[in-house]
Structures are given as C-alpha cells and as structure tokens.
C-alpha cells in the first residue's frame, strides 16, 4: 500500500490519502504503516534487524504473560508451602510437597520450557523463524495433573 509520511514538531504523521498529505510528504510502498519510522533526522523504513528485534520483544512479552497465566493456576500451592516454611513446620512442608508433587513437577517443566522458548526467541535469525515459534506449552506425556 502507498503511505505518505511527514514530520511536524518532531512527530511522524502518515496517511494513505495523498490529498491529506502536505506537499513535503514522502511516499512509501509498505505492507504495514508501522514499518515507517522517524529517527530524529529522517523518515525511513525500519531495517530487517529493527523488525526482528521488535518482534522478539513482542514474542518475549507474549511468552512472559502466557507462562504467568500457566503458573498462576496453582500458585496457591506455593503459598501453602511458603506459609509452612515461615512457621518452621518442616513436616507440613514435606507433606505438602508430596501431596502436590505432580503440580510442582509441572511448574518445573513449565519453567524449563520457558527458558528454552526464551532462548529460541533470542536466537532467532529471521522474522519467519520467529513467526513459526508457537508459544504453547505441551505437557510432557508422563506428567498428569490432579
């Protein structure tokens, strides 16, 4: 699509309608209006590296939010164990760890998967590689929840 971009008061403006753009506007052919940036001295298209870094940041935020939602489902277990630890009730701590061993193992698996995903996102070399990374935890086949 054709986009017309210009700067006023150090702020970037864009429009698809040439009639709305001032005569000083620069014409760009882009897939996405977010590909146009003003870097303080010129209006230009984002580089592939800028797009890659931006998508990495988005994927990392998506991962963080997703992992937090997975862990939140059984945070109450961690609270119970922490309370027993604060009370120096080691017998209760051990009993809770045994009672909730499956959930604790699942949390550990989620954290390990999270670290692997972070590494995959940070190591991605292309936009396609990043776009093909699915942020979806698959429970190990030997784990079961209660």
Protein backbone atom coordinates (compact mmCIF):
# COMPACT_ATOMS: atom_id res chain seq x y z
CA UNK A 1 0.00 0.00 0.00
CA UNK A 2 1.09 3.55 -0.58
CA UNK A 3 1.62 5.64 2.52
CA UNK A 4 2.52 9.30 2.71
CA UNK A 5 4.65 10.34 5.69
CA UNK A 6 5.82 13.68 7.05
CA UNK A 7 7.10 15.21 10.26
CA UNK A 8 5.68 18.15 12.18
CA UNK A 9 7.07 19.24 15.56
CA UNK A 10 9.31 16.17 15.68
CA UNK A 11 6.27 13.88 15.34
CA UNK A 12 5.67 11.44 12.48
CA UNK A 13 2.36 11.52 10.63
CA UNK A 14 1.13 9.11 7.98
CA UNK A 15 -1.88 8.80 5.72
CA UNK A 16 -3.00 6.65 2.81
CA UNK A 17 -4.81 9.61 1.26
CA UNK A 18 -2.46 11.72 -0.85
CA UNK A 19 -4.93 14.62 -0.67
CA UNK A 20 -4.50 14.79 3.12
CA UNK A 21 -0.70 14.80 2.96
CA UNK A 22 1.24 18.05 2.68
CA UNK A 23 3.43 18.59 -0.36
CA UNK A 24 6.56 17.77 1.69
CA UNK A 25 5.24 14.24 2.46
CA UNK A 26 7.35 11.30 1.33
CA UNK A 27 5.68 8.40 -0.46
CA UNK A 28 6.42 4.86 0.73
CA UNK A 29 5.27 1.48 -0.50
CA UNK A 30 4.79 -0.68 2.61
CA UNK A 31 2.89 -3.70 3.88
CA UNK A 32 2.39 -2.12 7.30
CA UNK A 33 2.35 1.53 8.35
CA UNK A 34 4.41 0.56 11.42
CA UNK A 35 7.33 -0.07 9.06
CA UNK A 36 7.82 3.69 8.69
CA UNK A 37 9.85 5.42 11.39
CA UNK A 38 11.22 8.85 12.12
CA UNK A 39 14.64 8.51 13.75
CA UNK A 40 15.03 12.16 14.69
CA UNK A 41 16.72 13.16 11.47
CA UNK A 42 14.89 11.37 8.67
CA UNK A 43 11.79 9.40 7.78
CA UNK A 44 12.76 5.90 6.71
CA UNK A 45 11.69 2.30 6.61
CA UNK A 46 12.61 0.03 9.51
CA UNK A 47 15.53 -2.26 8.84
CA UNK A 48 15.05 -6.03 8.94
CA UNK A 49 17.05 -6.10 12.15
CA UNK A 50 14.77 -3.48 13.75
CA UNK A 51 11.73 -5.52 12.73
CA UNK A 52 13.36 -8.68 14.10
CA UNK A 53 14.23 -7.05 17.45
CA UNK A 54 10.71 -5.61 17.73
CA UNK A 55 9.11 -9.00 17.05
CA UNK A 56 11.47 -10.66 19.54
CA UNK A 57 10.35 -8.20 22.22
CA UNK A 58 6.69 -8.90 21.37
CA UNK A 59 7.24 -12.68 21.49
CA UNK A 60 9.10 -12.44 24.82
CA UNK A 61 6.25 -10.40 26.31
CA UNK A 62 3.69 -12.89 24.95
CA UNK A 63 5.72 -15.74 26.47
CA UNK A 64 6.01 -13.98 29.85
CA UNK A 65 2.26 -13.37 30.00
CA UNK A 66 1.44 -16.93 28.94
CA UNK A 67 3.83 -18.52 31.45
CA UNK A 68 2.48 -16.31 34.23
CA UNK A 69 -1.05 -17.49 33.42
CA UNK A 70 0.07 -21.14 33.49
CA UNK A 71 1.84 -20.78 36.83
CA UNK A 72 -0.98 -18.73 38.38
CA UNK A 73 -3.28 -21.75 38.12
CA UNK A 74 -1.53 -23.37 41.07
CA UNK A 75 0.24 -20.51 42.85
CA UNK A 76 -1.85 -21.34 45.90
CA UNK A 77 0.32 -24.44 46.37
CA UNK A 78 3.46 -22.33 46.58
CA UNK A 79 1.73 -20.06 49.08
CA UNK A 80 0.77 -23.02 51.28
CA UNK A 81 4.33 -24.35 51.23
CA UNK A 82 5.78 -20.88 51.94
CA UNK A 83 3.46 -20.40 54.88
CA UNK A 84 4.50 -23.77 56.33
CA UNK A 85 8.17 -22.79 55.86
CA UNK A 86 7.63 -19.45 57.61
CA UNK A 87 6.12 -21.36 60.54
CA UNK A 88 9.15 -23.68 60.53
CA UNK A 89 6.77 -26.63 60.12
CA UNK A 90 9.10 -28.91 58.15
CA UNK A 91 6.74 -31.88 58.47
CA UNK A 92 3.93 -29.89 56.85
CA UNK A 93 6.31 -28.61 54.13
CA UNK A 94 7.27 -32.19 53.24
CA UNK A 95 3.65 -33.36 53.36
CA UNK A 96 2.59 -30.55 51.02
CA UNK A 97 5.47 -31.27 48.64
CA UNK A 98 4.35 -34.89 48.45
CA UNK A 99 0.67 -34.01 48.15
CA UNK A 100 1.33 -31.59 45.30
CA UNK A 101 4.33 -33.32 43.69
CA UNK A 102 2.62 -33.59 40.30
CA UNK A 103 1.80 -29.87 40.20
CA UNK A 104 5.29 -28.96 41.42
CA UNK A 105 6.82 -31.11 38.66
CA UNK A 106 4.53 -29.42 36.14
CA UNK A 107 5.66 -25.98 37.34
CA UNK A 108 9.27 -27.10 36.95
CA UNK A 109 8.52 -28.34 33.42
CA UNK A 110 6.84 -25.02 32.58
CA UNK A 111 9.88 -23.07 33.80
CA UNK A 112 12.27 -25.30 31.82
CA UNK A 113 10.12 -24.89 28.71
CA UNK A 114 10.00 -21.12 29.32
CA UNK A 115 13.81 -20.94 29.36
CA UNK A 116 14.01 -22.98 26.14
CA UNK A 117 11.47 -20.70 24.47
CA UNK A 118 13.33 -17.56 25.58
CA UNK A 119 16.49 -19.00 24.08
CA UNK A 120 14.71 -19.90 20.83
CA UNK A 121 13.24 -16.40 20.56
CA UNK A 122 16.54 -14.68 21.32
CA UNK A 123 18.45 -16.94 18.90
CA UNK A 124 16.01 -16.50 16.00
CA UNK A 125 17.74 -15.11 12.94
CA UNK A 126 14.70 -14.22 10.80
CA UNK A 127 11.15 -12.97 11.03
CA UNK A 128 9.87 -16.24 9.57
CA UNK A 129 11.72 -18.24 12.19
CA UNK A 130 10.13 -16.11 14.93
CA UNK A 131 6.67 -16.22 13.41
CA UNK A 132 6.85 -20.02 13.29
CA UNK A 133 7.59 -20.26 17.03
CA UNK A 134 4.38 -21.33 18.72
CA UNK A 135 4.03 -20.20 22.30
CA UNK A 136 2.05 -23.12 23.66
CA UNK A 137 3.18 -25.37 26.48
CA UNK A 138 2.72 -29.05 25.77
CA UNK A 139 2.66 -31.06 28.93
CA UNK A 140 5.16 -33.94 28.97
CA UNK A 141 3.37 -37.20 28.21
CA UNK A 142 4.45 -38.79 31.51
CA UNK A 143 3.05 -35.93 33.60
CA UNK A 144 -0.53 -35.81 34.77
CA UNK A 145 -2.42 -33.24 36.74
CA UNK A 146 -4.85 -33.79 39.59
